[in-house]
PDB file of N, CA and C in Angstrom:
ATOM      1  N   MET A   1       0.846  -1.166  -0.008  1.00  0.00           N
ATOM      2  CA  MET A   1       0.022  -0.020   0.016  1.00  0.00           C
ATOM      3  C   MET A   1       0.874   1.257  -0.002  1.00  0.00           C
ATOM      4  N   ILE A   2       0.438   2.271  -0.721  1.00  0.00           N
ATOM      5  CA  ILE A   2       1.190   3.513  -0.842  1.00  0.00           C
ATOM      6  C   ILE A   2       0.940   4.336   0.418  1.00  0.00           C
ATOM      7  N   ASP A   3       2.012   4.844   1.017  1.00  0.00           N
ATOM      8  CA  ASP A   3       1.790   5.633   2.227  1.00  0.00           C
ATOM      9  C   ASP A   3       1.312   7.053   1.894  1.00  0.00           C
ATOM     10  N   ARG A   4       0.891   7.778   2.892  1.00  0.00           N
ATOM     11  CA  ARG A   4       0.249   9.102   2.693  1.00  0.00           C
ATOM     12  C   ARG A   4       1.210  10.106   2.048  1.00  0.00           C
ATOM     13  N   SER A   5       2.486  10.106   2.388  1.00  0.00           N
ATOM     14  CA  SER A   5       3.393  11.108   1.861  1.00  0.00           C
ATOM     15  C   SER A   5       3.621  10.904   0.363  1.00  0.00           C
ATOM     16  N   LYS A   6       3.676   9.666  -0.058  1.00  0.00           N
ATOM     17  CA  LYS A   6       3.815   9.395  -1.499  1.00  0.00           C
ATOM     18  C   LYS A   6       2.522   9.750  -2.235  1.00  0.00           C
ATOM     19  N   MET A   7       1.384   9.485  -1.604  1.00  0.00           N
ATOM     20  CA  MET A   7       0.096   9.827  -2.200  1.00  0.00           C
ATOM     21  C   MET A   7      -0.023  11.329  -2.368  1.00  0.00           C
ATOM     22  N   GLY A   8       0.382  12.067  -1.366  1.00  0.00           N
ATOM     23  CA  GLY A   8       0.354  13.528  -1.423  1.00  0.00           C
ATOM     24  C   GLY A   8       1.283  14.048  -2.488  1.00  0.00           C
ATOM     25  N   LEU A   9       2.487  13.427  -2.624  1.00  0.00           N
ATOM     26  CA  LEU A   9       3.412  13.839  -3.632  1.00  0.00           C
ATOM     27  C   LEU A   9       2.874  13.589  -5.016  1.00  0.00           C
ATOM     28  N   MET A  10       2.174  12.468  -5.197  1.00  0.00           N
ATOM     29  CA  MET A  10       1.609  12.149  -6.516  1.00  0.00           C
ATOM     30  C   MET A  10       0.523  13.140  -6.902  1.00  0.00           C
ATOM     31  N   ILE A  11      -0.127  13.701  -5.914  1.00  0.00           N
ATOM     32  CA  ILE A  11      -1.181  14.715  -6.209  1.00  0.00           C
ATOM     33  C   ILE A  11      -0.590  16.078  -6.433  1.00  0.00           C
ATOM     34  N   ILE A  12       0.364  16.462  -5.600  1.00  0.00           N
ATOM     35  CA  ILE A  12       0.909  17.824  -5.639  1.00  0.00           C
ATOM     36  C   ILE A  12       1.864  18.021  -6.819  1.00  0.00           C
ATOM     37  N   LEU A  13       2.671  17.031  -7.140  1.00  0.00           N
ATOM     38  CA  LEU A  13       3.677  17.160  -8.183  1.00  0.00           C
ATOM     39  C   LEU A  13       3.068  17.588  -9.536  1.00  0.00           C
ATOM     40  N   PRO A  14       2.024  16.930 -10.028  1.00  0.00           N
ATOM     41  CA  PRO A  14       1.449  17.364 -11.284  1.00  0.00           C
ATOM     42  C   PRO A  14       0.853  18.806 -11.211  1.00  0.00           C
ATOM     43  N   LEU A  15       0.345  19.164 -10.054  1.00  0.00           N
ATOM     44  CA  LEU A  15      -0.167  20.528  -9.887  1.00  0.00           C
ATOM     45  C   LEU A  15       0.945  21.540  -9.922  1.00  0.00           C
ATOM     46  N   VAL A  16       2.083  21.233  -9.305  1.00  0.00           N
ATOM     47  CA  VAL A  16       3.230  22.162  -9.335  1.00  0.00           C
ATOM     48  C   VAL A  16       3.760  22.286 -10.764  1.00  0.00           C
ATOM     49  N   VAL A  17       3.854  21.205 -11.488  1.00  0.00           N
ATOM     50  CA  VAL A  17       4.328  21.213 -12.866  1.00  0.00           C
ATOM     51  C   VAL A  17       3.343  22.025 -13.733  1.00  0.00           C
ATOM     52  N   ALA A  18       2.076  21.798 -13.556  1.00  0.00           N
ATOM     53  CA  ALA A  18       1.078  22.575 -14.326  1.00  0.00           C
ATOM     54  C   ALA A  18       1.173  24.040 -13.998  1.00  0.00           C
ATOM     55  N   SER A  19       1.374  24.379 -12.717  1.00  0.00           N
ATOM     56  CA  SER A  19       1.495  25.758 -12.292  1.00  0.00           C
ATOM     57  C   SER A  19       2.723  26.381 -12.957  1.00  0.00           C
ATOM     58  N   ALA A  20       3.843  25.676 -12.961  1.00  0.00           N
ATOM     59  CA  ALA A  20       5.024  26.207 -13.560  1.00  0.00           C
ATOM     60  C   ALA A  20       4.857  26.441 -15.046  1.00  0.00           C
ATOM     61  N   LEU A  21       4.194  25.550 -15.748  1.00  0.00           N
ATOM     62  CA  LEU A  21       3.957  25.712 -17.171  1.00  0.00           C
ATOM     63  C   LEU A  21       3.030  26.924 -17.421  1.00  0.00           C
ATOM     64  N   MET A  22       2.052  27.102 -16.536  1.00  0.00           N
ATOM     65  CA  MET A  22       1.180  28.280 -16.701  1.00  0.00           C
ATOM     66  C   MET A  22       1.922  29.566 -16.465  1.00  0.00           C
ATOM     67  N   VAL A  23       2.899  29.579 -15.545  1.00  0.00           N
ATOM     68  CA  VAL A  23       3.708  30.794 -15.314  1.00  0.00           C
ATOM     69  C   VAL A  23       4.470  31.119 -16.594  1.00  0.00           C
ATOM     70  N   VAL A  24       5.088  30.114 -17.227  1.00  0.00           N
ATOM     71  CA  VAL A  24       5.824  30.348 -18.450  1.00  0.00           C
ATOM     72  C   VAL A  24       4.935  30.850 -19.550  1.00  0.00           C
ATOM     73  N   TYR A  25       3.758  30.263 -19.701  1.00  0.00           N
ATOM     74  CA  TYR A  25       2.818  30.700 -20.724  1.00  0.00           C
ATOM     75  C   TYR A  25       2.327  32.103 -20.496  1.00  0.00           C
ATOM     76  N   VAL A  26       1.988  32.444 -19.239  1.00  0.00           N
ATOM     77  CA  VAL A  26       1.515  33.775 -18.940  1.00  0.00           C
ATOM     78  C   VAL A  26       2.600  34.802 -19.162  1.00  0.00           C
ATOM     79  N   LYS A  27       3.818  34.475 -18.829  1.00  0.00           N
ATOM     80  CA  LYS A  27       4.965  35.402 -19.062  1.00  0.00           C
ATOM     81  C   LYS A  27       5.136  35.619 -20.576  1.00  0.00           C
ATOM     82  N   TYR A  28       5.034  34.594 -21.353  1.00  0.00           N
ATOM     83  CA  TYR A  28       5.168  34.681 -22.807  1.00  0.00           C
ATOM     84  C   TYR A  28       4.036  35.564 -23.335  1.00  0.00           C
ATOM     85  N   GLN A  29       2.794  35.353 -22.927  1.00  0.00           N
ATOM     86  CA  GLN A  29       1.673  36.151 -23.356  1.00  0.00           C
ATOM     87  C   GLN A  29       1.876  37.613 -22.977  1.00  0.00           C
ATOM     88  N   SER A  30       2.384  37.838 -21.789  1.00  0.00           N
ATOM     89  CA  SER A  30       2.653  39.198 -21.337  1.00  0.00           C
ATOM     90  C   SER A  30       3.651  39.913 -22.275  1.00  0.00           C
ATOM     91  N   ARG A  31       4.677  39.229 -22.678  1.00  0.00           N
ATOM     92  CA  ARG A  31       5.663  39.805 -23.595  1.00  0.00           C
ATOM     93  C   ARG A  31       5.052  40.074 -24.967  1.00  0.00           C
ATOM     94  N   VAL A  32       4.232  39.144 -25.444  1.00  0.00           N
ATOM     95  CA  VAL A  32       3.595  39.359 -26.748  1.00  0.00           C
ATOM     96  C   VAL A  32       2.663  40.590 -26.672  1.00  0.00           C
ATOM     97  N   LEU A  33       1.878  40.663 -25.615  1.00  0.00           N
ATOM     98  CA  LEU A  33       0.961  41.787 -25.495  1.00  0.00           C
ATOM     99  C   LEU A  33       1.729  43.144 -25.316  1.00  0.00           C
ATOM    100  N   PHE A  34       2.821  43.088 -24.592  1.00  0.00           N
ATOM    101  CA  PHE A  34       3.610  44.306 -24.411  1.00  0.00           C
ATOM    102  C   PHE A  34       4.172  44.767 -25.743  1.00  0.00           C
ATOM    103  N   THR A  35       4.646  43.824 -26.588  1.00  0.00           N
ATOM    104  CA  THR A  35       5.145  44.175 -27.912  1.00  0.00           C
ATOM    105  C   THR A  35       4.051  44.782 -28.741  1.00  0.00           C
ATOM    106  N   GLN A  36       2.859  44.211 -28.728  1.00  0.00           N
ATOM    107  CA  GLN A  36       1.712  44.751 -29.458  1.00  0.00           C
ATOM    108  C   GLN A  36       1.386  46.193 -28.957  1.00  0.00           C
ATOM    109  N   LEU A  37       1.425  46.338 -27.630  1.00  0.00           N
ATOM    110  CA  LEU A  37       1.142  47.667 -27.042  1.00  0.00           C
ATOM    111  C   LEU A  37       2.129  48.713 -27.561  1.00  0.00           C
ATOM    112  N   LYS A  38       3.399  48.346 -27.634  1.00  0.00           N
ATOM    113  CA  LYS A  38       4.403  49.307 -28.143  1.00  0.00           C
ATOM    114  C   LYS A  38       4.150  49.631 -29.604  1.00  0.00           C
ATOM    115  N   GLN A  39       3.774  48.624 -30.414  1.00  0.00           N
ATOM    116  CA  GLN A  39       3.465  48.879 -31.837  1.00  0.00           C
ATOM    117  C   GLN A  39       2.258  49.796 -31.977  1.00  0.00           C
ATOM    118  N   GLU A  40       1.260  49.557 -31.182  1.00  0.00           N
ATOM    119  CA  GLU A  40       0.050  50.391 -31.249  1.00  0.00           C
ATOM    120  C   GLU A  40       0.334  51.791 -30.763  1.00  0.00           C
ATOM    121  N   THR A  41       1.163  51.958 -29.798  1.00  0.00           N
ATOM    122  CA  THR A  41       1.557  53.299 -29.310  1.00  0.00           C
ATOM    123  C   THR A  41       2.297  54.042 -30.407  1.00  0.00           C
ATOM    124  N   LYS A  42       3.185  53.381 -31.109  1.00  0.00           N
ATOM    125  CA  LYS A  42       3.899  54.010 -32.235  1.00  0.00           C
ATOM    126  C   LYS A  42       2.908  54.445 -33.319  1.00  0.00           C
ATOM    127  N   ALA A  43       1.941  53.560 -33.622  1.00  0.00           N
ATOM    128  CA  ALA A  43       0.941  53.883 -34.629  1.00  0.00           C
ATOM    129  C   ALA A  43       0.088  55.063 -34.173  1.00  0.00           C
ATOM    130  N   GLN A  44      -0.250  55.110 -32.910  1.00  0.00           N
ATOM    131  CA  GLN A  44      -1.024  56.212 -32.384  1.00  0.00           C
ATOM    132  C   GLN A  44      -0.250  57.538 -32.503  1.00  0.00           C
ATOM    133  N   ASP A  45       1.061  57.524 -32.221  1.00  0.00           N
ATOM    134  CA  ASP A  45       1.865  58.709 -32.343  1.00  0.00           C
ATOM    135  C   ASP A  45       1.887  59.201 -33.782  1.00  0.00           C
ATOM    136  N   VAL A  46       2.032  58.285 -34.753  1.00  0.00           N
ATOM    137  CA  VAL A  46       2.053  58.633 -36.163  1.00  0.00           C
ATOM    138  C   VAL A  46       0.718  59.278 -36.547  1.00  0.00           C
ATOM    139  N   LEU A  47      -0.395  58.706 -36.094  1.00  0.00           N
ATOM    140  CA  LEU A  47      -1.708  59.213 -36.396  1.00  0.00           C
ATOM    141  C   LEU A  47      -1.934  60.596 -35.749  1.00  0.00           C
ATOM    142  N   GLU A  48      -1.425  60.810 -34.551  1.00  0.00           N
ATOM    143  CA  GLU A  48      -1.555  62.120 -33.907  1.00  0.00           C
ATOM    144  C   GLU A  48      -0.823  63.187 -34.671  1.00  0.00           C
ATOM    145  N   VAL A  49       0.361  62.842 -35.155  1.00  0.00           N
ATOM    146  CA  VAL A  49       1.107  63.817 -35.963  1.00  0.00           C
ATOM    147  C   VAL A  49       0.370  64.131 -37.270  1.00  0.00           C
ATOM    148  N   GLU A  50      -0.158  63.103 -37.900  1.00  0.00           N
ATOM    149  CA  GLU A  50      -0.939  63.293 -39.138  1.00  0.00           C
ATOM    150  C   GLU A  50      -2.187  64.142 -38.861  1.00  0.00           C
ATOM    151  N   TRP A  51      -2.850  63.882 -37.742  1.00  0.00           N
ATOM    152  CA  TRP A  51      -4.055  64.637 -37.394  1.00  0.00           C
ATOM    153  C   TRP A  51      -3.722  66.111 -37.190  1.00  0.00           C
ATOM    154  N   SER A  52      -2.630  66.399 -36.514  1.00  0.00           N
ATOM    155  CA  SER A  52      -2.217  67.766 -36.301  1.00  0.00           C
ATOM    156  C   SER A  52      -1.913  68.468 -37.635  1.00  0.00           C
ATOM    157  N   ARG A  53      -1.247  67.729 -38.503  1.00  0.00           N
ATOM    158  CA  ARG A  53      -0.909  68.284 -39.860  1.00  0.00           C
ATOM    159  C   ARG A  53      -2.189  68.601 -40.621  1.00  0.00           C
ATOM    160  N   LEU A  54      -3.150  67.671 -40.586  1.00  0.00           N
ATOM    161  CA  LEU A  54      -4.398  67.873 -41.274  1.00  0.00           C
ATOM    162  C   LEU A  54      -5.221  69.036 -40.738  1.00  0.00           C
ATOM    163  N   GLN A  55      -5.173  69.201 -39.389  1.00  0.00           N
ATOM    164  CA  GLN A  55      -5.891  70.341 -38.817  1.00  0.00           C
ATOM    165  C   GLN A  55      -5.270  71.649 -39.254  1.00  0.00           C
ATOM    166  N   LEU A  56      -3.937  71.709 -39.257  1.00  0.00           N
ATOM    167  CA  LEU A  56      -3.252  72.891 -39.726  1.00  0.00           C
ATOM    168  C   LEU A  56      -3.558  73.177 -41.208  1.00  0.00           C
ATOM    169  N   GLU A  57      -3.554  72.137 -42.006  1.00  0.00           N
ATOM    170  CA  GLU A  57      -3.894  72.289 -43.436  1.00  0.00           C
ATOM    171  C   GLU A  57      -5.316  72.774 -43.632  1.00  0.00           C
ATOM    172  N   GLN A  58      -6.220  72.244 -42.846  1.00  0.00           N
ATOM    173  CA  GLN A  58      -7.633  72.672 -42.940  1.00  0.00           C
ATOM    174  C   GLN A  58      -7.744  74.146 -42.559  1.00  0.00           C
ATOM    175  N   THR A  59      -7.059  74.563 -41.530  1.00  0.00           N
ATOM    176  CA  THR A  59      -7.092  75.938 -41.078  1.00  0.00           C
ATOM    177  C   THR A  59      -6.541  76.862 -42.206  1.00  0.00           C
ATOM    178  N   THR A  60      -5.493  76.407 -42.826  1.00  0.00           N
ATOM    179  CA  THR A  60      -4.876  77.176 -43.912  1.00  0.00           C
ATOM    180  C   THR A  60      -5.810  77.305 -45.103  1.00  0.00           C
ATOM    181  N   TRP A  61      -6.403  76.171 -45.494  1.00  0.00           N
ATOM    182  CA  TRP A  61      -7.238  76.165 -46.702  1.00  0.00           C
ATOM    183  C   TRP A  61      -8.552  76.939 -46.439  1.00  0.00           C
ATOM    184  N   SER A  62      -9.007  76.964 -45.234  1.00  0.00           N
ATOM    185  CA  SER A  62     -10.314  77.608 -44.963  1.00  0.00           C
ATOM    186  C   SER A  62     -10.202  79.007 -44.384  1.00  0.00           C
ATOM    187  N   SER A  63      -9.062  79.631 -44.423  1.00  0.00           N
ATOM    188  CA  SER A  63      -8.913  80.963 -43.882  1.00  0.00           C
ATOM    189  C   SER A  63      -9.755  81.940 -44.732  1.00  0.00           C
ATOM    190  N   ASN A  64     -10.317  82.925 -44.029  1.00  0.00           N
ATOM    191  CA  ASN A  64     -11.169  83.885 -44.717  1.00  0.00           C
ATOM    192  C   ASN A  64     -10.426  84.684 -45.798  1.00  0.00           C
ATOM    193  N   ALA A  65      -9.194  85.040 -45.503  1.00  0.00           N
ATOM    194  CA  ALA A  65      -8.402  85.815 -46.458  1.00  0.00           C
ATOM    195  C   ALA A  65      -8.168  85.019 -47.734  1.00  0.00           C
ATOM    196  N   ARG A  66      -7.912  83.705 -47.640  1.00  0.00           N
ATOM    197  CA  ARG A  66      -7.647  82.873 -48.807  1.00  0.00           C
ATOM    198  C   ARG A  66      -8.939  82.717 -49.607  1.00  0.00           C
ATOM    199  N   ILE A  67     -10.053  82.492 -48.917  1.00  0.00           N
ATOM    200  CA  ILE A  67     -11.344  82.318 -49.636  1.00  0.00           C
ATOM    201  C   ILE A  67     -11.735  83.638 -50.320  1.00  0.00           C
ATOM    202  N   GLU A  68     -11.502  84.741 -49.687  1.00  0.00           N
ATOM    203  CA  GLU A  68     -11.818  86.034 -50.331  1.00  0.00           C
ATOM    204  C   GLU A  68     -10.977  86.271 -51.518  1.00  0.00           C
ATOM    205  N   LYS A  69      -9.680  85.937 -51.405  1.00  0.00           N
ATOM    206  CA  LYS A  69      -8.737  86.096 -52.551  1.00  0.00           C
ATOM    207  C   LYS A  69      -9.188  85.253 -53.771  1.00  0.00           C
ATOM    208  N   ILE A  70      -9.573  84.001 -53.530  1.00  0.00           N
ATOM    209  CA  ILE A  70     -10.022  83.152 -54.593  1.00  0.00           C
ATOM    210  C   ILE A  70     -11.315  83.642 -55.181  1.00  0.00           C
ATOM    211  N   ALA A  71     -12.217  84.119 -54.333  1.00  0.00           N
ATOM    212  CA  ALA A  71     -13.509  84.630 -54.813  1.00  0.00           C
ATOM    213  C   ALA A  71     -13.308  85.831 -55.735  1.00  0.00           C
ATOM    214  N   LYS A  72     -12.361  86.684 -55.386  1.00  0.00           N
ATOM    215  CA  LYS A  72     -12.083  87.857 -56.214  1.00  0.00           C
ATOM    216  C   LYS A  72     -11.368  87.487 -57.512  1.00  0.00           C
ATOM    217  N   LYS A  73     -10.331  86.699 -57.398  1.00  0.00           N
ATOM    218  CA  LYS A  73      -9.456  86.384 -58.519  1.00  0.00           C
ATOM    219  C   LYS A  73     -10.109  85.395 -59.502  1.00  0.00           C
ATOM    220  N   GLN A  74     -10.606  84.272 -59.027  1.00  0.00           N
ATOM    221  CA  GLN A  74     -11.100  83.220 -59.926  1.00  0.00           C
ATOM    222  C   GLN A  74     -12.584  83.411 -60.310  1.00  0.00           C
ATOM    223  N   LEU A  75     -13.368  83.944 -59.384  1.00  0.00           N
ATOM    224  CA  LEU A  75     -14.817  84.043 -59.643  1.00  0.00           C
ATOM    225  C   LEU A  75     -15.257  85.470 -59.979  1.00  0.00           C
ATOM    226  N   GLY A  76     -14.356  86.423 -59.796  1.00  0.00           N
ATOM    227  CA  GLY A  76     -14.716  87.817 -60.108  1.00  0.00           C
ATOM    228  C   GLY A  76     -15.711  88.403 -59.110  1.00  0.00           C
ATOM    229  N   LEU A  77     -15.769  87.894 -57.954  1.00  0.00           N
ATOM    230  CA  LEU A  77     -16.733  88.414 -56.948  1.00  0.00           C
ATOM    231  C   LEU A  77     -16.107  89.577 -56.206  1.00  0.00           C
ATOM    232  N   GLN A  78     -16.965  90.377 -55.609  1.00  0.00           N
ATOM    233  CA  GLN A  78     -16.486  91.484 -54.802  1.00  0.00           C
ATOM    234  C   GLN A  78     -17.443  91.682 -53.625  1.00  0.00           C
ATOM    235  N   ALA A  79     -16.967  92.259 -52.547  1.00  0.00           N
ATOM    236  CA  ALA A  79     -17.810  92.525 -51.410  1.00  0.00           C
ATOM    237  C   ALA A  79     -18.852  93.565 -51.770  1.00  0.00           C
ATOM    238  N   PRO A  80     -20.101  93.429 -51.302  1.00  0.00           N
ATOM    239  CA  PRO A  80     -21.150  94.399 -51.624  1.00  0.00           C
ATOM    240  C   PRO A  80     -20.865  95.738 -50.915  1.00  0.00           C
ATOM    241  N   THR A  81     -21.283  96.778 -51.550  1.00  0.00           N
ATOM    242  CA  THR A  81     -21.179  98.118 -50.924  1.00  0.00           C
ATOM    243  C   THR A  81     -22.342  98.271 -49.943  1.00  0.00           C
ATOM    244  N   ALA A  82     -22.269  99.326 -49.162  1.00  0.00           N
ATOM    245  CA  ALA A  82     -23.338  99.547 -48.169  1.00  0.00           C
ATOM    246  C   ALA A  82     -24.685  99.750 -48.830  1.00  0.00           C
ATOM    247  N   GLU A  83     -24.690 100.357 -50.020  1.00  0.00           N
ATOM    248  CA  GLU A  83     -25.971 100.580 -50.702  1.00  0.00           C
ATOM    249  C   GLU A  83     -26.564  99.279 -51.247  1.00  0.00           C
ATOM    250  N   GLN A  84     -25.735  98.284 -51.511  1.00  0.00           N
ATOM    251  CA  GLN A  84     -26.196  97.025 -52.077  1.00  0.00           C
ATOM    252  C   GLN A  84     -26.722  96.050 -50.999  1.00  0.00           C
ATOM    253  N   VAL A  85     -26.496  96.345 -49.734  1.00  0.00           N
ATOM    254  CA  VAL A  85     -26.902  95.439 -48.666  1.00  0.00           C
ATOM    255  C   VAL A  85     -28.368  95.728 -48.347  1.00  0.00           C
ATOM    256  N   ILE A  86     -29.189  94.694 -48.330  1.00  0.00           N
ATOM    257  CA  ILE A  86     -30.620  94.819 -48.024  1.00  0.00           C
ATOM    258  C   ILE A  86     -30.900  93.993 -46.777  1.00  0.00           C
ATOM    259  N   PHE A  87     -31.587  94.624 -45.798  1.00  0.00           N
ATOM    260  CA  PHE A  87     -31.983  93.899 -44.587  1.00  0.00           C
ATOM    261  C   PHE A  87     -33.448  93.516 -44.692  1.00  0.00           C
ATOM    262  N   ILE A  88     -33.768  92.320 -44.343  1.00  0.00           N
ATOM    263  CA  ILE A  88     -35.194  91.839 -44.402  1.00  0.00           C
ATOM    264  C   ILE A  88     -35.614  91.544 -43.012  1.00  0.00           C
ATOM    265  N   LYS A  89     -36.750  92.097 -42.594  1.00  0.00           N
ATOM    266  CA  LYS A  89     -37.309  91.868 -41.274  1.00  0.00           C
ATOM    267  C   LYS A  89     -38.166  90.598 -41.316  1.00  0.00           C
ATOM    268  N   MET A  90     -37.994  89.796 -40.297  1.00  0.00           N
ATOM    269  CA  MET A  90     -38.799  88.564 -40.199  1.00  0.00           C
ATOM    270  C   MET A  90     -39.773  88.767 -39.028  1.00  0.00           C
ATOM    271  N   LYS A  91     -40.946  88.172 -39.179  1.00  0.00           N
ATOM    272  CA  LYS A  91     -41.938  88.237 -38.052  1.00  0.00           C
ATOM    273  C   LYS A  91     -41.586  87.325 -36.958  1.00  0.00           C
TER     274      LYS A  91
END
């Protein structure tokens, strides 16, 4: 008959081995996820720079002075004089 200490060892040993394997697996997963996090952080930084550039470009393209210049030069438009402005009253 197997004594109690050997029986306990037969139960605990596989649990310890399984626990050790899980530690290795979790550590590996942690490294993989950390690498992915770093890659995503780099991608986020690139997108933030692009977003800032696009906002600056939008501000430049939509400035009132630029729009007025194009309206005058390409479309032949001009600002109305005071006599040409008509106010309409609404009820």
